[in-house]
């Protein structure tokens, strides 16, 4: 009998131990849940604000992007309509840039191109210089407008003014350095300074970053000046024919 009683006692003792462990686990879980809820009640508004900020920021970016795309499309449609009108110069100048300085100068460039086609290169150059004056904080568009002014006016521009503009535009690191140097070479050719033009073209050809169209134009200028252009990279060197055997 005794062993059975002891076995029952051990069994009941084990059950009670398991019940105690389960009870402790439940109490611990309840405490954790209560602490979690307390933390959420205390700091949950911060997490809510973060979530709202993320969602609101994404919605605002999407809205801003959509508005910018709509304005750009409307501007492009207005430009196309202005170029096809009876007076494209006036129409292009009147296109609303919707507050964008970049779009305004692009409209002025297109208007200047229409003036040049109408035989008014000086007026076109003045328009471009005026547009560049309002773009001191945008070196790319500023230099582009001035470079186009030089190209549109051509020999009609005062030589001193042209040299001054090209000197600034061809400074090392300028956005359109190589194109400005090309215009310097064109000006030298126009002034009859062939040797200086050949030397400058040779210097330009040695610079890094030459585009293929610019490299081709420089070679064509050298040929026009009676100088054999240097072979481009990747081309096979020209060999002299072998002497005939006696």
Protein backbone atom coordinates (compact mmCIF):
# COMPACT_ATOMS: atom_id res chain seq x y z
CA UNK A 1 0.00 0.00 0.00
CA UNK A 2 2.73 2.35 0.93
CA UNK A 3 4.37 2.43 -2.46
CA UNK A 4 1.01 3.16 -4.13
CA UNK A 5 0.32 5.97 -1.71
CA UNK A 6 3.78 7.41 -2.31
CA UNK A 7 3.29 7.12 -6.07
CA UNK A 8 -0.06 8.94 -5.85
CA UNK A 9 1.55 11.63 -3.72
CA UNK A 10 4.34 12.05 -6.23
CA UNK A 11 1.85 12.22 -9.10
CA UNK A 12 -0.36 14.75 -7.37
CA UNK A 13 2.71 16.74 -6.39
CA UNK A 14 3.86 16.83 -10.01
CA UNK A 15 0.41 17.94 -11.17
CA UNK A 16 0.37 20.70 -8.64
CA UNK A 17 3.86 21.80 -9.74
CA UNK A 18 2.69 21.90 -13.37
CA UNK A 19 -0.39 23.87 -12.36
CA UNK A 20 1.79 26.30 -10.43
CA UNK A 21 4.10 26.74 -13.45
CA UNK A 22 1.13 27.33 -15.74
CA UNK A 23 -0.33 29.82 -13.31
CA UNK A 24 2.99 31.69 -13.09
CA UNK A 25 3.29 31.73 -16.89
CA UNK A 26 -0.24 33.13 -17.21
CA UNK A 27 0.45 35.80 -14.60
CA UNK A 28 3.74 36.72 -16.31
CA UNK A 29 2.01 36.94 -19.70
CA UNK A 30 -0.72 39.12 -18.22
CA UNK A 31 1.90 41.40 -16.69
CA UNK A 32 3.70 41.69 -20.00
CA UNK A 33 0.45 42.47 -21.79
CA UNK A 34 -0.45 45.10 -19.19
CA UNK A 35 2.97 46.70 -19.51
CA UNK A 36 2.70 46.69 -23.31
CA UNK A 37 -0.71 48.36 -23.19
CA UNK A 38 0.59 50.88 -20.67
CA UNK A 39 3.52 51.72 -22.92
CA UNK A 40 1.22 51.99 -25.93
CA UNK A 41 -1.16 54.30 -24.04
CA UNK A 42 1.79 56.40 -22.97
CA UNK A 43 3.85 56.50 -26.17
CA UNK A 44 1.50 55.18 -28.84
CA UNK A 45 0.69 58.68 -30.10
CA UNK A 46 4.35 59.06 -31.15
CA UNK A 47 4.18 55.95 -33.32
CA UNK A 48 0.87 57.18 -34.73
CA UNK A 49 2.41 60.54 -35.62
CA UNK A 50 5.36 58.81 -37.34
CA UNK A 51 3.00 56.65 -39.41
CA UNK A 52 0.87 59.64 -40.34
CA UNK A 53 4.00 61.59 -41.27
CA UNK A 54 5.25 58.84 -43.58
CA UNK A 55 1.88 58.41 -45.27
CA UNK A 56 1.33 62.16 -45.54
CA UNK A 57 4.82 62.75 -46.94
CA UNK A 58 4.36 60.08 -49.61
CA UNK A 59 0.97 61.53 -50.57
CA UNK A 60 2.40 65.06 -50.77
CA UNK A 61 5.32 63.94 -52.96
CA UNK A 62 2.94 62.16 -55.30
CA UNK A 63 0.70 65.23 -55.48
CA UNK A 64 3.65 67.59 -56.08
CA UNK A 65 5.04 65.34 -58.79
CA UNK A 66 1.66 65.18 -60.49
CA UNK A 67 1.27 68.97 -60.35
CA UNK A 68 4.77 69.55 -61.74
CA UNK A 69 4.11 67.11 -64.58
CA UNK A 70 0.82 68.83 -65.37
CA UNK A 71 2.47 72.27 -65.47
CA UNK A 72 5.31 71.00 -67.66
CA UNK A 73 2.87 69.38 -70.08
CA UNK A 74 0.78 72.54 -70.27
CA UNK A 75 3.91 74.60 -70.94
CA UNK A 76 5.03 72.23 -73.68
CA UNK A 77 1.61 72.38 -75.35
CA UNK A 78 1.68 76.20 -75.19
CA UNK A 79 5.17 76.26 -76.75
CA UNK A 80 4.07 74.01 -79.62
CA UNK A 81 1.03 76.18 -80.28
CA UNK A 82 3.13 79.38 -80.16
CA UNK A 83 5.66 78.06 -82.68
CA UNK A 84 2.89 77.22 -85.11
CA UNK A 85 1.18 80.60 -84.82
CA UNK A 86 1.36 83.57 -87.16
CA UNK A 87 3.73 85.51 -84.88
CA UNK A 88 5.88 82.91 -83.11
CA UNK A 89 8.31 85.48 -81.68
CA UNK A 90 5.64 87.34 -79.73
CA UNK A 91 3.76 84.16 -78.86
CA UNK A 92 6.83 82.40 -77.51
CA UNK A 93 7.77 85.38 -75.37
CA UNK A 94 4.25 85.46 -73.91
CA UNK A 95 4.11 81.80 -72.86
CA UNK A 96 3.56 81.58 -69.11
CA UNK A 97 6.52 79.74 -67.50
CA UNK A 98 4.42 79.02 -64.37
CA UNK A 99 7.08 80.50 -62.12
CA UNK A 100 10.00 78.53 -63.56
CA UNK A 101 13.05 80.60 -64.52
CA UNK A 102 14.36 77.66 -66.56
CA UNK A 103 11.20 77.44 -68.66
CA UNK A 104 11.25 81.21 -69.16
CA UNK A 105 14.78 81.22 -70.56
CA UNK A 106 13.98 78.27 -72.80
CA UNK A 107 11.04 80.23 -74.19
CA UNK A 108 13.37 83.17 -74.80
CA UNK A 109 15.86 80.91 -76.57
CA UNK A 110 13.13 79.63 -78.88
CA UNK A 111 11.96 83.18 -79.53
CA UNK A 112 15.54 84.18 -80.31
CA UNK A 113 15.80 81.29 -82.75
CA UNK A 114 12.65 82.52 -84.49
CA UNK A 115 14.15 86.02 -84.68
CA UNK A 116 17.35 84.66 -86.18
CA UNK A 117 15.35 82.77 -88.81
CA UNK A 118 13.50 85.99 -89.56
CA UNK A 119 16.81 87.74 -90.32
CA UNK A 120 17.16 89.54 -86.99
CA UNK A 121 20.36 88.07 -85.49
CA UNK A 122 21.30 91.15 -83.50
CA UNK A 123 17.88 91.36 -81.90
CA UNK A 124 18.04 87.64 -81.14
CA UNK A 125 21.44 88.06 -79.48
CA UNK A 126 20.18 90.92 -77.33
CA UNK A 127 17.23 88.82 -76.23
CA UNK A 128 19.53 85.97 -75.23
CA UNK A 129 21.88 88.25 -73.30
CA UNK A 130 18.93 89.73 -71.44
CA UNK A 131 17.70 86.23 -70.57
CA UNK A 132 21.17 85.26 -69.32
CA UNK A 133 21.31 88.33 -67.07
CA UNK A 134 18.50 86.90 -64.96
CA UNK A 135 20.18 83.52 -64.50
CA UNK A 136 23.22 84.31 -62.40
CA UNK A 137 22.36 81.45 -60.04
CA UNK A 138 22.09 78.89 -62.84
CA UNK A 139 25.50 78.65 -64.56
CA UNK A 140 24.39 76.06 -67.09
CA UNK A 141 21.44 77.98 -68.53
CA UNK A 142 23.31 81.28 -68.10
CA UNK A 143 26.28 80.10 -70.17
CA UNK A 144 24.04 78.36 -72.70
CA UNK A 145 22.11 81.58 -73.36
CA UNK A 146 25.33 83.59 -73.82
CA UNK A 147 26.89 80.95 -76.07
CA UNK A 148 23.79 80.94 -78.26
CA UNK A 149 23.94 84.75 -78.36
CA UNK A 150 27.48 84.56 -79.75
CA UNK A 151 26.53 81.90 -82.27
CA UNK A 152 23.35 83.68 -83.40
CA UNK A 153 25.02 87.07 -83.85
CA UNK A 154 28.11 85.66 -85.56
CA UNK A 155 30.39 88.27 -87.15
CA UNK A 156 27.75 90.95 -86.54
CA UNK A 157 28.60 90.98 -82.82
CA UNK A 158 31.17 93.51 -81.68
CA UNK A 159 34.55 91.73 -81.73
CA UNK A 160 35.58 92.98 -78.28
CA UNK A 161 32.30 91.86 -76.73
CA UNK A 162 32.47 88.48 -78.45
CA UNK A 163 36.05 87.91 -77.24
CA UNK A 164 35.06 88.86 -73.69
CA UNK A 165 32.08 86.52 -73.67
CA UNK A 166 34.03 83.63 -75.15
CA UNK A 167 36.88 84.16 -72.69
CA UNK A 168 34.44 83.70 -69.81
CA UNK A 169 32.61 80.79 -71.43
CA UNK A 170 35.81 78.88 -72.22
CA UNK A 171 37.32 78.98 -68.75
CA UNK A 172 38.45 75.56 -67.49
CA UNK A 173 35.53 73.75 -65.93
CA UNK A 174 32.87 75.97 -67.52
CA UNK A 175 29.74 74.04 -68.61
CA UNK A 176 30.34 74.67 -72.33
CA UNK A 177 34.11 75.15 -72.33
CA UNK A 178 34.79 73.07 -75.46
CA UNK A 179 31.98 74.61 -77.50
CA UNK A 180 33.16 78.10 -76.54
CA UNK A 181 36.69 77.20 -77.64
CA UNK A 182 35.24 76.02 -80.94
CA UNK A 183 33.58 79.41 -81.38
CA UNK A 184 36.92 81.06 -80.63
CA UNK A 185 38.43 79.07 -83.49
CA UNK A 186 35.57 80.12 -85.76
CA UNK A 187 36.18 83.76 -84.83
CA UNK A 188 39.90 83.42 -85.58
CA UNK A 189 39.15 81.92 -88.98
CA UNK A 190 36.74 84.76 -89.71
CA UNK A 191 39.43 87.28 -88.78
CA UNK A 192 41.91 85.64 -91.16
CA UNK A 193 44.18 84.41 -88.34
CA UNK A 194 44.66 80.96 -89.83
CA UNK A 195 47.76 79.92 -87.91
CA UNK A 196 46.21 80.89 -84.58
CA UNK A 197 43.05 78.99 -85.51
CA UNK A 198 45.03 75.86 -86.42
CA UNK A 199 46.94 76.01 -83.15
CA UNK A 200 43.75 76.46 -81.11
CA UNK A 201 41.95 73.64 -82.91
CA UNK A 202 44.91 71.36 -82.22
CA UNK A 203 44.72 72.24 -78.53
CA UNK A 204 41.00 71.55 -78.44
CA UNK A 205 41.52 68.16 -80.08
CA UNK A 206 43.85 67.15 -77.25
CA UNK A 207 41.26 67.85 -74.54
CA UNK A 208 39.22 65.19 -72.78
CA UNK A 209 35.49 64.94 -73.22
CA UNK A 210 35.22 65.74 -76.92
CA UNK A 211 31.98 64.48 -78.40
CA UNK A 212 32.10 62.77 -81.76
CA UNK A 213 30.19 65.58 -83.57
CA UNK A 214 32.60 68.19 -82.15
CA UNK A 215 35.62 66.07 -83.08
CA UNK A 216 34.25 65.79 -86.62
CA UNK A 217 33.62 69.54 -86.91
CA UNK A 218 37.16 70.30 -85.75
CA UNK A 219 38.59 67.89 -88.33
CA UNK A 220 36.50 69.51 -91.06
CA UNK A 221 37.80 72.94 -90.03
CA UNK A 222 41.37 71.68 -90.23
CA UNK A 223 40.75 70.30 -93.73
CA UNK A 224 39.21 73.64 -94.76
CA UNK A 225 42.35 75.38 -93.51
CA UNK A 226 44.52 73.03 -95.60
CA UNK A 227 45.81 70.97 -92.66
CA UNK A 228 45.63 67.18 -92.57
CA UNK A 229 43.56 66.30 -89.47
CA UNK A 230 45.00 63.96 -86.87
CA UNK A 231 43.58 60.41 -87.01
CA UNK A 232 40.87 59.84 -84.43
CA UNK A 233 41.29 57.25 -81.69
CA UNK A 234 40.62 53.73 -82.88
CA UNK A 235 41.33 54.48 -86.54
CA UNK A 236 44.12 52.59 -88.32
CA UNK A 237 47.25 54.69 -88.95
CA UNK A 238 47.89 55.54 -92.54
CA UNK A 239 51.04 53.87 -93.91
CA UNK A 240 53.25 55.09 -96.70
CA UNK A 241 53.34 52.81 -99.76
CA UNK A 242 56.40 50.60 -99.98
CA UNK A 243 59.00 51.61 -102.57
CA UNK A 244 58.89 49.67 -105.82
CA UNK A 245 61.52 46.96 -106.21
CA UNK A 246 64.24 47.66 -108.72
